[in-house]
Amino acid sequence: DNIRAFRKYQKEREKEKETEFKAS
């Protein structure tokens, strides 16, 4: 459960970074 939760967090962070990069 903890592994899944962290991987989900990692994917969300990657999407956020990608959105921030495109916005820049």
PDB file of all heavy atoms in Angstrom:
ATOM      1  N   ASP A   1       0.839  -1.204   0.000  1.00  0.00           N
ATOM      2  CA  ASP A   1       0.000   0.000   0.000  1.00  0.00           C
ATOM      3  C   ASP A   1       0.874   1.253   0.000  1.00  0.00           C
ATOM      4  O   ASP A   1       0.587   2.225  -0.721  1.00  0.00           O
ATOM      5  CB  ASP A   1      -0.927   0.017   1.223  1.00  0.00           C
ATOM      6  CG  ASP A   1      -2.045  -1.007   1.114  1.00  0.00           C
ATOM      7  OD1 ASP A   1      -2.329  -1.459  -0.020  1.00  0.00           O
ATOM      8  OD2 ASP A   1      -2.634  -1.358   2.152  1.00  0.00           O
ATOM      9  N   ASN A   2       1.937   1.232   0.793  1.00  0.00           N
ATOM     10  CA  ASN A   2       2.847   2.383   0.861  1.00  0.00           C
ATOM     11  C   ASN A   2       3.605   2.574  -0.446  1.00  0.00           C
ATOM     12  O   ASN A   2       3.865   3.711  -0.862  1.00  0.00           O
ATOM     13  CB  ASN A   2       3.828   2.219   2.025  1.00  0.00           C
ATOM     14  CG  ASN A   2       3.163   2.365   3.376  1.00  0.00           C
ATOM     15  OD1 ASN A   2       2.132   3.038   3.496  1.00  0.00           O
ATOM     16  ND2 ASN A   2       3.744   1.743   4.392  1.00  0.00           N
ATOM     17  N   ILE A   3       3.970   1.470  -1.087  1.00  0.00           N
ATOM     18  CA  ILE A   3       4.651   1.546  -2.389  1.00  0.00           C
ATOM     19  C   ILE A   3       3.729   2.192  -3.423  1.00  0.00           C
ATOM     20  O   ILE A   3       4.140   3.103  -4.158  1.00  0.00           O
ATOM     21  CB  ILE A   3       5.095   0.140  -2.865  1.00  0.00           C
ATOM     22  CG1 ILE A   3       6.211  -0.392  -1.975  1.00  0.00           C
ATOM     23  CG2 ILE A   3       5.556   0.196  -4.324  1.00  0.00           C
ATOM     24  CD1 ILE A   3       6.604  -1.833  -2.270  1.00  0.00           C
ATOM     25  N   ARG A   4       2.479   1.740  -3.451  1.00  0.00           N
ATOM     26  CA  ARG A   4       1.508   2.290  -4.420  1.00  0.00           C
ATOM     27  C   ARG A   4       1.274   3.777  -4.161  1.00  0.00           C
ATOM     28  O   ARG A   4       1.205   4.569  -5.110  1.00  0.00           O
ATOM     29  CB  ARG A   4       0.193   1.522  -4.318  1.00  0.00           C
ATOM     30  CG  ARG A   4       0.268   0.080  -4.780  1.00  0.00           C
ATOM     31  CD  ARG A   4      -1.118  -0.559  -4.810  1.00  0.00           C
ATOM     32  NE  ARG A   4      -1.029  -2.006  -4.955  1.00  0.00           N
ATOM     33  CZ  ARG A   4      -1.185  -2.857  -3.941  1.00  0.00           C
ATOM     34  NH1 ARG A   4      -1.453  -2.406  -2.721  1.00  0.00           N
ATOM     35  NH2 ARG A   4      -1.096  -4.163  -4.156  1.00  0.00           N
ATOM     36  N   ALA A   5       1.166   4.139  -2.885  1.00  0.00           N
ATOM     37  CA  ALA A   5       0.914   5.536  -2.531  1.00  0.00           C
ATOM     38  C   ALA A   5       2.073   6.425  -2.970  1.00  0.00           C
ATOM     39  O   ALA A   5       1.856   7.529  -3.506  1.00  0.00           O
ATOM     40  CB  ALA A   5       0.697   5.664  -1.023  1.00  0.00           C
ATOM     41  N   PHE A   6       3.317   5.939  -2.800  1.00  0.00           N
ATOM     42  CA  PHE A   6       4.475   6.749  -3.174  1.00  0.00           C
ATOM     43  C   PHE A   6       4.609   6.851  -4.691  1.00  0.00           C
ATOM     44  O   PHE A   6       4.955   7.913  -5.216  1.00  0.00           O
ATOM     45  CB  PHE A   6       5.751   6.164  -2.571  1.00  0.00           C
ATOM     46  CG  PHE A   6       6.959   7.038  -2.779  1.00  0.00           C
ATOM     47  CD1 PHE A   6       7.064   8.281  -2.154  1.00  0.00           C
ATOM     48  CD2 PHE A   6       7.991   6.631  -3.622  1.00  0.00           C
ATOM     49  CE1 PHE A   6       8.173   9.090  -2.369  1.00  0.00           C
ATOM     50  CE2 PHE A   6       9.100   7.436  -3.831  1.00  0.00           C
ATOM     51  CZ  PHE A   6       9.188   8.672  -3.198  1.00  0.00           C
ATOM     52  N   ARG A   7       4.326   5.762  -5.378  1.00  0.00           N
ATOM     53  CA  ARG A   7       4.408   5.801  -6.848  1.00  0.00           C
ATOM     54  C   ARG A   7       3.348   6.739  -7.424  1.00  0.00           C
ATOM     55  O   ARG A   7       3.592   7.441  -8.411  1.00  0.00           O
ATOM     56  CB  ARG A   7       4.240   4.391  -7.412  1.00  0.00           C
ATOM     57  CG  ARG A   7       5.485   3.535  -7.236  1.00  0.00           C
ATOM     58  CD  ARG A   7       5.284   2.124  -7.734  1.00  0.00           C
ATOM     59  NE  ARG A   7       6.513   1.346  -7.601  1.00  0.00           N
ATOM     60  CZ  ARG A   7       6.585   0.031  -7.762  1.00  0.00           C
ATOM     61  NH1 ARG A   7       5.480  -0.657  -8.087  1.00  0.00           N
ATOM     62  NH2 ARG A   7       7.725  -0.606  -7.620  1.00  0.00           N
ATOM     63  N   LYS A   8       2.167   6.739  -6.815  1.00  0.00           N
ATOM     64  CA  LYS A   8       1.100   7.659  -7.235  1.00  0.00           C
ATOM     65  C   LYS A   8       1.556   9.104  -7.025  1.00  0.00           C
ATOM     66  O   LYS A   8       1.362   9.969  -7.897  1.00  0.00           O
ATOM     67  CB  LYS A   8      -0.170   7.384  -6.436  1.00  0.00           C
ATOM     68  CG  LYS A   8      -1.346   8.267  -6.823  1.00  0.00           C
ATOM     69  CD  LYS A   8      -2.571   7.967  -5.961  1.00  0.00           C
ATOM     70  CE  LYS A   8      -3.723   8.908  -6.326  1.00  0.00           C
ATOM     71  NZ  LYS A   8      -4.902   8.682  -5.449  1.00  0.00           N
ATOM     72  N   TYR A   9       2.185   9.354  -5.885  1.00  0.00           N
ATOM     73  CA  TYR A   9       2.710  10.700  -5.588  1.00  0.00           C
ATOM     74  C   TYR A   9       3.767  11.096  -6.613  1.00  0.00           C
ATOM     75  O   TYR A   9       3.769  12.239  -7.099  1.00  0.00           O
ATOM     76  CB  TYR A   9       3.287  10.716  -4.171  1.00  0.00           C
ATOM     77  CG  TYR A   9       4.194  11.879  -3.897  1.00  0.00           C
ATOM     78  CD1 TYR A   9       3.675  13.166  -3.706  1.00  0.00           C
ATOM     79  CD2 TYR A   9       5.582  11.698  -3.827  1.00  0.00           C
ATOM     80  CE1 TYR A   9       4.519  14.243  -3.454  1.00  0.00           C
ATOM     81  CE2 TYR A   9       6.420  12.766  -3.579  1.00  0.00           C
ATOM     82  CZ  TYR A   9       5.892  14.037  -3.402  1.00  0.00           C
ATOM     83  OH  TYR A   9       6.723  15.101  -3.162  1.00  0.00           O
ATOM     84  N   GLN A  10       4.656  10.169  -6.956  1.00  0.00           N
ATOM     85  CA  GLN A  10       5.715  10.458  -7.936  1.00  0.00           C
ATOM     86  C   GLN A  10       5.120  10.845  -9.300  1.00  0.00           C
ATOM     87  O   GLN A  10       5.586  11.789  -9.946  1.00  0.00           O
ATOM     88  CB  GLN A  10       6.636   9.248  -8.094  1.00  0.00           C
ATOM     89  CG  GLN A  10       7.619   9.062  -6.952  1.00  0.00           C
ATOM     90  CD  GLN A  10       8.528   7.870  -7.175  1.00  0.00           C
ATOM     91  OE1 GLN A  10       8.049   6.769  -7.483  1.00  0.00           O
ATOM     92  NE2 GLN A  10       9.821   8.069  -7.032  1.00  0.00           N
ATOM     93  N   LYS A  11       4.100  10.106  -9.726  1.00  0.00           N
ATOM     94  CA  LYS A  11       3.452  10.400 -11.014  1.00  0.00           C
ATOM     95  C   LYS A  11       2.794  11.777 -10.994  1.00  0.00           C
ATOM     96  O   LYS A  11       2.873  12.536 -11.974  1.00  0.00           O
ATOM     97  CB  LYS A  11       2.415   9.326 -11.334  1.00  0.00           C
ATOM     98  CG  LYS A  11       3.025   8.002 -11.743  1.00  0.00           C
ATOM     99  CD  LYS A  11       1.953   6.961 -12.031  1.00  0.00           C
ATOM    100  CE  LYS A  11       2.579   5.624 -12.415  1.00  0.00           C
ATOM    101  NZ  LYS A  11       1.540   4.582 -12.657  1.00  0.00           N
ATOM    102  N   GLU A  12       2.143  12.094  -9.885  1.00  0.00           N
ATOM    103  CA  GLU A  12       1.488  13.404  -9.761  1.00  0.00           C
ATOM    104  C   GLU A  12       2.523  14.521  -9.787  1.00  0.00           C
ATOM    105  O   GLU A  12       2.283  15.577 -10.407  1.00  0.00           O
ATOM    106  CB  GLU A  12       0.681  13.457  -8.466  1.00  0.00           C
ATOM    107  CG  GLU A  12      -0.574  12.586  -8.488  1.00  0.00           C
ATOM    108  CD  GLU A  12      -1.266  12.508  -7.147  1.00  0.00           C
ATOM    109  OE1 GLU A  12      -0.690  13.015  -6.153  1.00  0.00           O
ATOM    110  OE2 GLU A  12      -2.375  11.936  -7.075  1.00  0.00           O
ATOM    111  N   ARG A  13       3.666  14.300  -9.139  1.00  0.00           N
ATOM    112  CA  ARG A  13       4.730  15.309  -9.134  1.00  0.00           C
ATOM    113  C   ARG A  13       5.294  15.505 -10.532  1.00  0.00           C
ATOM    114  O   ARG A  13       5.598  16.628 -10.938  1.00  0.00           O
ATOM    115  CB  ARG A  13       5.861  14.895  -8.177  1.00  0.00           C
ATOM    116  CG  ARG A  13       5.569  15.145  -6.726  1.00  0.00           C
ATOM    117  CD  ARG A  13       5.458  16.625  -6.379  1.00  0.00           C
ATOM    118  NE  ARG A  13       6.710  17.327  -6.657  1.00  0.00           N
ATOM    119  CZ  ARG A  13       6.790  18.551  -7.125  1.00  0.00           C
ATOM    120  NH1 ARG A  13       5.677  19.223  -7.436  1.00  0.00           N
ATOM    121  NH2 ARG A  13       7.956  19.141  -7.310  1.00  0.00           N
ATOM    122  N   GLU A  14       5.455  14.415 -11.264  1.00  0.00           N
ATOM    123  CA  GLU A  14       5.965  14.507 -12.636  1.00  0.00           C
ATOM    124  C   GLU A  14       5.017  15.314 -13.519  1.00  0.00           C
ATOM    125  O   GLU A  14       5.449  16.132 -14.345  1.00  0.00           O
ATOM    126  CB  GLU A  14       6.156  13.104 -13.215  1.00  0.00           C
ATOM    127  CG  GLU A  14       7.375  12.388 -12.664  1.00  0.00           C
ATOM    128  CD  GLU A  14       7.478  10.949 -13.136  1.00  0.00           C
ATOM    129  OE1 GLU A  14       6.666  10.567 -14.006  1.00  0.00           O
ATOM    130  OE2 GLU A  14       8.343  10.219 -12.630  1.00  0.00           O
ATOM    131  N   LYS A  15       3.699  15.104 -13.338  1.00  0.00           N
ATOM    132  CA  LYS A  15       2.701  15.863 -14.099  1.00  0.00           C
ATOM    133  C   LYS A  15       2.760  17.338 -13.733  1.00  0.00           C
ATOM    134  O   LYS A  15       2.674  18.209 -14.601  1.00  0.00           O
ATOM    135  CB  LYS A  15       1.306  15.313 -13.822  1.00  0.00           C
ATOM    136  CG  LYS A  15       1.025  13.979 -14.498  1.00  0.00           C
ATOM    137  CD  LYS A  15      -0.385  13.499 -14.176  1.00  0.00           C
ATOM    138  CE  LYS A  15      -0.667  12.154 -14.833  1.00  0.00           C
ATOM    139  NZ  LYS A  15      -2.016  11.650 -14.490  1.00  0.00           N
ATOM    140  N   GLU A  16       2.910  17.637 -12.447  1.00  0.00           N
ATOM    141  CA  GLU A  16       3.006  19.026 -11.982  1.00  0.00           C
ATOM    142  C   GLU A  16       4.228  19.715 -12.571  1.00  0.00           C
ATOM    143  O   GLU A  16       4.159  20.864 -13.018  1.00  0.00           O
ATOM    144  CB  GLU A  16       3.072  19.073 -10.452  1.00  0.00           C
ATOM    145  CG  GLU A  16       1.758  18.754  -9.755  1.00  0.00           C
ATOM    146  CD  GLU A  16       1.910  18.710  -8.248  1.00  0.00           C
ATOM    147  OE1 GLU A  16       2.987  19.086  -7.746  1.00  0.00           O
ATOM    148  OE2 GLU A  16       0.953  18.287  -7.564  1.00  0.00           O
ATOM    149  N   LYS A  17       5.351  19.018 -12.582  1.00  0.00           N
ATOM    150  CA  LYS A  17       6.587  19.576 -13.132  1.00  0.00           C
ATOM    151  C   LYS A  17       6.444  19.838 -14.626  1.00  0.00           C
ATOM    152  O   LYS A  17       6.917  20.861 -15.146  1.00  0.00           O
ATOM    153  CB  LYS A  17       7.762  18.628 -12.878  1.00  0.00           C
ATOM    154  CG  LYS A  17       8.234  18.600 -11.440  1.00  0.00           C
ATOM    155  CD  LYS A  17       9.398  17.630 -11.275  1.00  0.00           C
ATOM    156  CE  LYS A  17       9.860  17.566  -9.833  1.00  0.00           C
ATOM    157  NZ  LYS A  17      10.961  16.596  -9.636  1.00  0.00           N
ATOM    158  N   GLU A  18       5.801  18.900 -15.310  1.00  0.00           N
ATOM    159  CA  GLU A  18       5.589  19.050 -16.749  1.00  0.00           C
ATOM    160  C   GLU A  18       4.692  20.247 -17.039  1.00  0.00           C
ATOM    161  O   GLU A  18       4.964  21.037 -17.958  1.00  0.00           O
ATOM    162  CB  GLU A  18       4.950  17.773 -17.312  1.00  0.00           C
ATOM    163  CG  GLU A  18       4.878  17.755 -18.831  1.00  0.00           C
ATOM    164  CD  GLU A  18       4.306  16.466 -19.375  1.00  0.00           C
ATOM    165  OE1 GLU A  18       4.291  15.453 -18.625  1.00  0.00           O
ATOM    166  OE2 GLU A  18       3.871  16.478 -20.537  1.00  0.00           O
ATOM    167  N   THR A  19       3.637  20.428 -16.224  1.00  0.00           N
ATOM    168  CA  THR A  19       2.715  21.565 -16.382  1.00  0.00           C
ATOM    169  C   THR A  19       3.457  22.878 -16.112  1.00  0.00           C
ATOM    170  O   THR A  19       3.296  23.858 -16.849  1.00  0.00           O
ATOM    171  CB  THR A  19       1.518  21.430 -15.406  1.00  0.00           C
ATOM    172  OG1 THR A  19       0.864  20.187 -15.665  1.00  0.00           O
ATOM    173  CG2 THR A  19       0.561  22.576 -15.590  1.00  0.00           C
ATOM    174  N   GLU A  20       4.276  22.898 -15.061  1.00  0.00           N
ATOM    175  CA  GLU A  20       5.037  24.099 -14.711  1.00  0.00           C
ATOM    176  C   GLU A  20       6.022  24.447 -15.816  1.00  0.00           C
ATOM    177  O   GLU A  20       6.243  25.622 -16.129  1.00  0.00           O
ATOM    178  CB  GLU A  20       5.789  23.870 -13.392  1.00  0.00           C
ATOM    179  CG  GLU A  20       4.870  23.836 -12.168  1.00  0.00           C
ATOM    180  CD  GLU A  20       5.603  23.394 -10.909  1.00  0.00           C
ATOM    181  OE1 GLU A  20       6.833  23.179 -10.991  1.00  0.00           O
ATOM    182  OE2 GLU A  20       4.951  23.280  -9.861  1.00  0.00           O
ATOM    183  N   PHE A  21       6.656  23.414 -16.415  1.00  0.00           N
ATOM    184  CA  PHE A  21       7.623  23.632 -17.487  1.00  0.00           C
ATOM    185  C   PHE A  21       6.950  24.250 -18.711  1.00  0.00           C
ATOM    186  O   PHE A  21       7.443  25.199 -19.310  1.00  0.00           O
ATOM    187  CB  PHE A  21       8.310  22.310 -17.849  1.00  0.00           C
ATOM    188  CG  PHE A  21       9.261  22.416 -19.005  1.00  0.00           C
ATOM    189  CD1 PHE A  21      10.483  23.064 -18.857  1.00  0.00           C
ATOM    190  CD2 PHE A  21       8.922  21.913 -20.255  1.00  0.00           C
ATOM    191  CE1 PHE A  21      11.347  23.187 -19.929  1.00  0.00           C
ATOM    192  CE2 PHE A  21       9.786  22.023 -21.333  1.00  0.00           C
ATOM    193  CZ  PHE A  21      11.018  22.656 -21.151  1.00  0.00           C
ATOM    194  N   LYS A  22       5.768  23.694 -19.064  1.00  0.00           N
ATOM    195  CA  LYS A  22       5.040  24.216 -20.227  1.00  0.00           C
ATOM    196  C   LYS A  22       4.582  25.646 -20.000  1.00  0.00           C
ATOM    197  O   LYS A  22       4.623  26.468 -20.907  1.00  0.00           O
ATOM    198  CB  LYS A  22       3.838  23.318 -20.525  1.00  0.00           C
ATOM    199  CG  LYS A  22       4.197  21.979 -21.116  1.00  0.00           C
ATOM    200  CD  LYS A  22       2.963  21.115 -21.357  1.00  0.00           C
ATOM    201  CE  LYS A  22       3.350  19.779 -21.976  1.00  0.00           C
ATOM    202  NZ  LYS A  22       2.165  18.902 -22.183  1.00  0.00           N
ATOM    203  N   ALA A  23       4.165  25.926 -18.741  1.00  0.00           N
ATOM    204  CA  ALA A  23       3.718  27.278 -18.387  1.00  0.00           C
ATOM    205  C   ALA A  23       4.867  28.271 -18.491  1.00  0.00           C
ATOM    206  O   ALA A  23       4.682  29.435 -18.880  1.00  0.00           O
ATOM    207  CB  ALA A  23       3.119  27.287 -17.001  1.00  0.00           C
ATOM    208  N   SER A  24       6.067  27.818 -18.133  1.00  0.00           N
ATOM    209  CA  SER A  24       7.256  28.714 -18.185  1.00  0.00           C
ATOM    210  C   SER A  24       7.620  29.062 -19.617  1.00  0.00           C
ATOM    211  O   SER A  24       8.243  30.089 -19.888  1.00  0.00           O
ATOM    212  CB  SER A  24       8.442  28.061 -17.470  1.00  0.00           C
ATOM    213  OG  SER A  24       8.892  26.932 -18.167  1.00  0.00           O
TER     214      SER A  24
END
